[in-house]
Amino acid sequence: MKKKTKYTILNVLLIGTLLLNLLIFTSRMSYFPWFIEDAYGYFGVFVTTPILLVIYFFFHRLQKNDKVTNLNKFIPLIGAITSLIIVLVHVTDFANLLALSVNTIMFIIACVILIQHVAMNQSGSY
């Protein structure tokens, strides 16, 4: 498989995992239809964190051979560490908002990087 294809698949997987993390952290808010009492939805973070770490290691491996930026490489690591810290520490509304903020910022940055990558591939200047 080409490195560009691996890079695109990893970015799409990263965006999907960050979106799943956002859904998990919003499951604590009572005005959403997917509200779960007592924060049992946070157990989903223990599923998404290993996925984010695997994506980080693949990006780290691709950075040696391809044009992967440091920002793109560290997005899954920052998302995984932040999510784990928030879940393992006592859950408060502030911690929940912090997790939502960090995951939203990481999600937006990952989307912008993917759009730039796709635009570069279609223009042929990659």
N, C-alpha and C. Protein backbone atom coordinates (compact mmCIF):
# COMPACT_ATOMS: atom_id res chain seq x y z
N MET A 1 0.85 -1.18 0.00
CA MET A 1 0.00 0.00 0.00
C MET A 1 0.89 1.24 0.00
N LYS A 2 0.50 2.22 -0.78
CA LYS A 2 1.28 3.45 -0.86
C LYS A 2 1.27 4.19 0.46
N LYS A 3 2.33 4.97 0.67
CA LYS A 3 2.42 5.74 1.91
C LYS A 3 1.35 6.82 1.97
N LYS A 4 0.99 7.39 0.82
CA LYS A 4 -0.07 8.41 0.80
C LYS A 4 -1.41 7.81 1.21
N THR A 5 -1.67 6.58 0.76
CA THR A 5 -2.91 5.91 1.12
C THR A 5 -2.93 5.58 2.61
N LYS A 6 -1.80 5.09 3.15
CA LYS A 6 -1.72 4.81 4.58
C LYS A 6 -1.95 6.08 5.38
N TYR A 7 -1.35 7.16 4.93
CA TYR A 7 -1.47 8.44 5.62
C TYR A 7 -2.93 8.90 5.64
N THR A 8 -3.62 8.76 4.51
CA THR A 8 -5.02 9.16 4.43
C THR A 8 -5.89 8.27 5.31
N ILE A 9 -5.65 6.97 5.28
CA ILE A 9 -6.44 6.05 6.12
C ILE A 9 -6.20 6.34 7.59
N LEU A 10 -4.96 6.59 7.99
CA LEU A 10 -4.67 6.92 9.38
C LEU A 10 -5.33 8.22 9.80
N ASN A 11 -5.34 9.21 8.92
CA ASN A 11 -6.00 10.48 9.25
C ASN A 11 -7.51 10.31 9.39
N VAL A 12 -8.11 9.52 8.53
CA VAL A 12 -9.56 9.28 8.64
C VAL A 12 -9.87 8.50 9.91
N LEU A 13 -9.04 7.52 10.24
CA LEU A 13 -9.21 6.78 11.49
C LEU A 13 -9.02 7.69 12.70
N LEU A 14 -8.06 8.59 12.62
CA LEU A 14 -7.83 9.56 13.70
C LEU A 14 -9.04 10.46 13.89
N ILE A 15 -9.59 10.96 12.81
CA ILE A 15 -10.77 11.84 12.89
C ILE A 15 -11.96 11.07 13.46
N GLY A 16 -12.15 9.83 13.02
CA GLY A 16 -13.25 9.03 13.54
C GLY A 16 -13.10 8.73 15.03
N THR A 17 -11.89 8.44 15.46
CA THR A 17 -11.65 8.16 16.87
C THR A 17 -11.83 9.41 17.73
N LEU A 18 -11.36 10.55 17.24
CA LEU A 18 -11.57 11.80 17.98
C LEU A 18 -13.05 12.16 18.05
N LEU A 19 -13.79 11.88 16.98
CA LEU A 19 -15.23 12.12 16.99
C LEU A 19 -15.91 11.19 18.00
N LEU A 20 -15.48 9.95 18.06
CA LEU A 20 -16.02 9.03 19.05
C LEU A 20 -15.70 9.50 20.47
N ASN A 21 -14.50 10.03 20.68
CA ASN A 21 -14.14 10.60 21.98
C ASN A 21 -15.04 11.77 22.33
N LEU A 22 -15.35 12.61 21.35
CA LEU A 22 -16.26 13.73 21.60
C LEU A 22 -17.64 13.23 22.01
N LEU A 23 -18.12 12.19 21.34
CA LEU A 23 -19.42 11.61 21.71
C LEU A 23 -19.38 11.02 23.12
N ILE A 24 -18.27 10.41 23.47
CA ILE A 24 -18.13 9.83 24.81
C ILE A 24 -18.17 10.92 25.87
N PHE A 25 -17.45 12.01 25.64
CA PHE A 25 -17.40 13.06 26.65
C PHE A 25 -18.69 13.88 26.70
N THR A 26 -19.46 13.91 25.61
CA THR A 26 -20.75 14.59 25.67
C THR A 26 -21.84 13.70 26.25
N SER A 27 -21.54 12.43 26.47
CA SER A 27 -22.54 11.54 27.06
C SER A 27 -22.85 11.88 28.51
N ARG A 28 -22.08 12.76 29.09
CA ARG A 28 -22.32 13.18 30.48
C ARG A 28 -23.27 14.36 30.55
N MET A 29 -23.55 15.00 29.43
CA MET A 29 -24.40 16.18 29.41
C MET A 29 -25.86 15.75 29.20
N SER A 30 -26.71 16.17 30.11
CA SER A 30 -28.08 15.66 30.15
C SER A 30 -28.97 16.13 29.01
N TYR A 31 -28.61 17.17 28.30
CA TYR A 31 -29.47 17.68 27.23
C TYR A 31 -29.22 16.99 25.89
N PHE A 32 -28.29 16.04 25.83
CA PHE A 32 -28.09 15.26 24.61
C PHE A 32 -28.88 13.96 24.70
N PRO A 33 -29.36 13.45 23.58
CA PRO A 33 -30.14 12.21 23.63
C PRO A 33 -29.32 10.98 24.05
N TRP A 34 -28.01 11.03 23.93
CA TRP A 34 -27.18 9.89 24.30
C TRP A 34 -26.63 10.02 25.72
N PHE A 35 -27.34 10.77 26.55
CA PHE A 35 -26.95 10.97 27.95
C PHE A 35 -26.92 9.65 28.71
N ILE A 36 -25.83 9.42 29.45
CA ILE A 36 -25.68 8.24 30.28
C ILE A 36 -25.38 8.72 31.69
N GLU A 37 -26.20 8.30 32.63
CA GLU A 37 -25.99 8.72 34.01
C GLU A 37 -24.77 8.03 34.61
N ASP A 38 -24.21 8.65 35.61
CA ASP A 38 -23.08 8.13 36.37
C ASP A 38 -21.83 7.92 35.52
N ALA A 39 -21.77 8.52 34.36
CA ALA A 39 -20.58 8.54 33.50
C ALA A 39 -20.07 7.15 33.13
N TYR A 40 -20.97 6.19 32.95
CA TYR A 40 -20.53 4.87 32.50
C TYR A 40 -20.03 4.91 31.05
N GLY A 41 -20.39 5.95 30.34
CA GLY A 41 -19.92 6.10 28.97
C GLY A 41 -18.42 6.32 28.87
N TYR A 42 -17.82 6.73 29.99
CA TYR A 42 -16.38 6.97 29.98
C TYR A 42 -15.56 5.69 29.79
N PHE A 43 -16.19 4.53 29.96
CA PHE A 43 -15.46 3.30 29.71
C PHE A 43 -15.07 3.18 28.24
N GLY A 44 -15.76 3.90 27.37
CA GLY A 44 -15.40 3.92 25.96
C GLY A 44 -14.05 4.53 25.70
N VAL A 45 -13.58 5.38 26.60
CA VAL A 45 -12.26 5.98 26.45
C VAL A 45 -11.18 4.91 26.53
N PHE A 46 -11.43 3.85 27.29
CA PHE A 46 -10.46 2.77 27.39
C PHE A 46 -10.39 1.96 26.10
N VAL A 47 -11.32 2.17 25.20
CA VAL A 47 -11.27 1.55 23.87
C VAL A 47 -10.59 2.49 22.88
N THR A 48 -10.92 3.78 22.96
CA THR A 48 -10.37 4.73 21.98
C THR A 48 -8.91 5.09 22.27
N THR A 49 -8.49 5.04 23.52
CA THR A 49 -7.10 5.41 23.84
C THR A 49 -6.08 4.48 23.18
N PRO A 50 -6.24 3.15 23.23
CA PRO A 50 -5.27 2.31 22.51
C PRO A 50 -5.28 2.55 21.00
N ILE A 51 -6.44 2.86 20.45
CA ILE A 51 -6.50 3.15 19.01
C ILE A 51 -5.69 4.41 18.71
N LEU A 52 -5.85 5.45 19.53
CA LEU A 52 -5.09 6.68 19.33
C LEU A 52 -3.59 6.44 19.49
N LEU A 53 -3.21 5.60 20.43
CA LEU A 53 -1.78 5.30 20.61
C LEU A 53 -1.21 4.52 19.43
N VAL A 54 -1.99 3.61 18.88
CA VAL A 54 -1.54 2.86 17.70
C VAL A 54 -1.38 3.81 16.51
N ILE A 55 -2.31 4.73 16.35
CA ILE A 55 -2.21 5.73 15.28
C ILE A 55 -0.95 6.57 15.47
N TYR A 56 -0.66 6.95 16.72
CA TYR A 56 0.55 7.73 17.00
C TYR A 56 1.79 6.95 16.58
N PHE A 57 1.87 5.66 16.91
CA PHE A 57 3.05 4.88 16.55
C PHE A 57 3.17 4.71 15.04
N PHE A 58 2.05 4.57 14.34
CA PHE A 58 2.11 4.50 12.87
C PHE A 58 2.57 5.83 12.28
N PHE A 59 2.08 6.95 12.81
CA PHE A 59 2.54 8.26 12.33
C PHE A 59 4.02 8.45 12.63
N HIS A 60 4.46 7.99 13.78
CA HIS A 60 5.88 8.10 14.14
C HIS A 60 6.74 7.31 13.15
N ARG A 61 6.25 6.14 12.77
CA ARG A 61 6.97 5.32 11.80
C ARG A 61 6.94 5.95 10.41
N LEU A 62 5.81 6.53 10.04
CA LEU A 62 5.70 7.17 8.73
C LEU A 62 6.51 8.47 8.65
N GLN A 63 6.73 9.12 9.78
CA GLN A 63 7.45 10.38 9.76
C GLN A 63 8.90 10.19 9.32
N LYS A 64 9.46 9.04 9.62
CA LYS A 64 10.84 8.76 9.23
C LYS A 64 10.97 8.66 7.72
N ASN A 65 9.93 8.20 7.04
CA ASN A 65 10.00 7.93 5.60
C ASN A 65 9.15 8.87 4.75
N ASP A 66 8.27 9.63 5.35
CA ASP A 66 7.29 10.39 4.58
C ASP A 66 7.17 11.79 5.15
N LYS A 67 6.30 12.58 4.57
CA LYS A 67 6.09 13.95 5.01
C LYS A 67 4.95 14.04 6.02
N VAL A 68 5.19 13.57 7.22
CA VAL A 68 4.22 13.68 8.30
C VAL A 68 4.74 14.76 9.23
N THR A 69 3.92 15.74 9.51
CA THR A 69 4.35 16.84 10.36
C THR A 69 4.34 16.41 11.83
N ASN A 70 5.09 17.14 12.64
CA ASN A 70 5.09 16.86 14.08
C ASN A 70 3.72 17.10 14.68
N LEU A 71 3.03 18.11 14.20
CA LEU A 71 1.69 18.40 14.71
C LEU A 71 0.75 17.22 14.45
N ASN A 72 0.79 16.69 13.24
CA ASN A 72 -0.06 15.56 12.90
C ASN A 72 0.33 14.32 13.68
N LYS A 73 1.60 14.18 13.95
CA LYS A 73 2.07 13.01 14.69
C LYS A 73 1.62 13.05 16.15
N PHE A 74 1.62 14.24 16.76
CA PHE A 74 1.33 14.33 18.19
C PHE A 74 -0.16 14.52 18.52
N ILE A 75 -1.01 14.74 17.54
CA ILE A 75 -2.45 14.88 17.80
C ILE A 75 -3.02 13.65 18.49
N PRO A 76 -2.77 12.43 18.00
CA PRO A 76 -3.34 11.27 18.70
C PRO A 76 -2.76 11.08 20.11
N LEU A 77 -1.49 11.40 20.29
CA LEU A 77 -0.87 11.25 21.60
C LEU A 77 -1.47 12.23 22.61
N ILE A 78 -1.65 13.47 22.20
CA ILE A 78 -2.24 14.47 23.09
C ILE A 78 -3.68 14.10 23.42
N GLY A 79 -4.43 13.67 22.42
CA GLY A 79 -5.82 13.25 22.65
C GLY A 79 -5.92 12.07 23.59
N ALA A 80 -5.03 11.08 23.44
CA ALA A 80 -5.06 9.89 24.29
C ALA A 80 -4.69 10.22 25.73
N ILE A 81 -3.63 10.99 25.90
CA ILE A 81 -3.18 11.33 27.25
C ILE A 81 -4.22 12.19 27.96
N THR A 82 -4.76 13.18 27.28
CA THR A 82 -5.77 14.05 27.89
C THR A 82 -7.01 13.25 28.28
N SER A 83 -7.47 12.40 27.41
CA SER A 83 -8.66 11.60 27.70
C SER A 83 -8.44 10.68 28.89
N LEU A 84 -7.29 10.02 28.92
CA LEU A 84 -7.01 9.13 30.03
C LEU A 84 -6.91 9.87 31.36
N ILE A 85 -6.25 11.01 31.34
CA ILE A 85 -6.12 11.79 32.58
C ILE A 85 -7.49 12.23 33.08
N ILE A 86 -8.33 12.69 32.18
CA ILE A 86 -9.66 13.16 32.57
C ILE A 86 -10.48 12.01 33.15
N VAL A 87 -10.38 10.83 32.56
CA VAL A 87 -11.17 9.70 33.04
C VAL A 87 -10.63 9.17 34.37
N LEU A 88 -9.33 9.13 34.54
CA LEU A 88 -8.75 8.57 35.75
C LEU A 88 -8.83 9.51 36.95
N VAL A 89 -8.91 10.82 36.69
CA VAL A 89 -9.06 11.79 37.76
C VAL A 89 -10.56 11.92 38.06
N HIS A 90 -10.89 12.41 39.22
CA HIS A 90 -12.30 12.59 39.58
C HIS A 90 -13.00 13.45 38.53
N VAL A 91 -14.13 12.98 38.04
CA VAL A 91 -14.84 13.65 36.97
C VAL A 91 -15.66 14.82 37.53
N THR A 92 -15.34 15.99 37.02
CA THR A 92 -16.11 17.18 37.37
C THR A 92 -16.58 17.82 36.07
N ASP A 93 -17.42 18.82 36.20
CA ASP A 93 -17.88 19.52 34.99
C ASP A 93 -16.74 20.24 34.31
N PHE A 94 -15.81 20.80 35.10
CA PHE A 94 -14.66 21.49 34.51
C PHE A 94 -13.79 20.51 33.73
N ALA A 95 -13.54 19.32 34.29
CA ALA A 95 -12.74 18.32 33.60
C ALA A 95 -13.42 17.87 32.32
N ASN A 96 -14.72 17.75 32.36
CA ASN A 96 -15.48 17.35 31.17
C ASN A 96 -15.37 18.42 30.08
N LEU A 97 -15.49 19.69 30.47
CA LEU A 97 -15.35 20.78 29.50
C LEU A 97 -13.92 20.87 28.96
N LEU A 98 -12.94 20.62 29.80
CA LEU A 98 -11.55 20.61 29.35
C LEU A 98 -11.33 19.51 28.32
N ALA A 99 -11.85 18.32 28.59
CA ALA A 99 -11.72 17.21 27.65
C ALA A 99 -12.43 17.52 26.34
N LEU A 100 -13.61 18.10 26.42
CA LEU A 100 -14.33 18.49 25.20
C LEU A 100 -13.55 19.53 24.40
N SER A 101 -12.98 20.50 25.09
CA SER A 101 -12.22 21.56 24.41
C SER A 101 -11.00 20.99 23.71
N VAL A 102 -10.22 20.19 24.42
CA VAL A 102 -9.00 19.61 23.83
C VAL A 102 -9.35 18.70 22.66
N ASN A 103 -10.36 17.85 22.82
CA ASN A 103 -10.73 16.94 21.74
C ASN A 103 -11.30 17.69 20.54
N THR A 104 -12.04 18.76 20.79
CA THR A 104 -12.58 19.56 19.68
C THR A 104 -11.46 20.23 18.90
N ILE A 105 -10.49 20.79 19.61
CA ILE A 105 -9.36 21.44 18.94
C ILE A 105 -8.57 20.42 18.13
N MET A 106 -8.31 19.26 18.71
CA MET A 106 -7.58 18.20 18.00
C MET A 106 -8.36 17.72 16.78
N PHE A 107 -9.68 17.60 16.91
CA PHE A 107 -10.53 17.18 15.81
C PHE A 107 -10.47 18.18 14.66
N ILE A 108 -10.56 19.47 14.97
CA ILE A 108 -10.52 20.51 13.94
C ILE A 108 -9.17 20.52 13.24
N ILE A 109 -8.08 20.42 14.01
CA ILE A 109 -6.74 20.42 13.42
C ILE A 109 -6.57 19.20 12.52
N ALA A 110 -7.03 18.03 12.95
CA ALA A 110 -6.91 16.82 12.14
C ALA A 110 -7.72 16.94 10.85
N CYS A 111 -8.90 17.56 10.92
CA CYS A 111 -9.70 17.76 9.71
C CYS A 111 -9.00 18.69 8.73
N VAL A 112 -8.42 19.76 9.23
CA VAL A 112 -7.71 20.71 8.36
C VAL A 112 -6.51 20.04 7.72
N ILE A 113 -5.77 19.24 8.48
CA ILE A 113 -4.60 18.55 7.93
C ILE A 113 -5.02 17.56 6.86
N LEU A 114 -6.11 16.83 7.08
CA LEU A 114 -6.59 15.88 6.08
C LEU A 114 -7.04 16.61 4.81
N ILE A 115 -7.74 17.71 4.95
CA ILE A 115 -8.19 18.48 3.78
C ILE A 115 -6.99 19.00 2.99
N GLN A 116 -5.96 19.49 3.69
CA GLN A 116 -4.75 19.96 3.01
C GLN A 116 -4.06 18.81 2.28
N HIS A 117 -4.01 17.65 2.91
CA HIS A 117 -3.36 16.49 2.30
C HIS A 117 -4.10 16.05 1.04
N VAL A 118 -5.42 16.01 1.11
CA VAL A 118 -6.21 15.61 -0.05
C VAL A 118 -6.06 16.64 -1.17
N ALA A 119 -6.06 17.91 -0.82
CA ALA A 119 -5.90 18.97 -1.83
C ALA A 119 -4.53 18.89 -2.50
N MET A 120 -3.50 18.60 -1.72
CA MET A 120 -2.16 18.47 -2.31
C MET A 120 -2.07 17.28 -3.23
N ASN A 121 -2.72 16.18 -2.86
CA ASN A 121 -2.68 14.97 -3.70
C ASN A 121 -3.43 15.20 -5.01
N GLN A 122 -4.53 15.93 -4.98
CA GLN A 122 -5.30 16.15 -6.20
C GLN A 122 -4.62 17.17 -7.11
N SER A 123 -3.89 18.11 -6.54
CA SER A 123 -3.20 19.08 -7.38
C SER A 123 -1.89 18.52 -7.92
N GLY A 124 -1.40 17.43 -7.33
CA GLY A 124 -0.20 16.79 -7.83
C GLY A 124 1.08 17.42 -7.32
N SER A 125 1.01 18.32 -6.36
CA SER A 125 2.22 18.99 -5.88
C SER A 125 2.81 18.30 -4.65
N TYR A 126 2.37 17.14 -4.35
CA TYR A 126 2.86 16.45 -3.16
C TYR A 126 4.18 15.78 -3.45
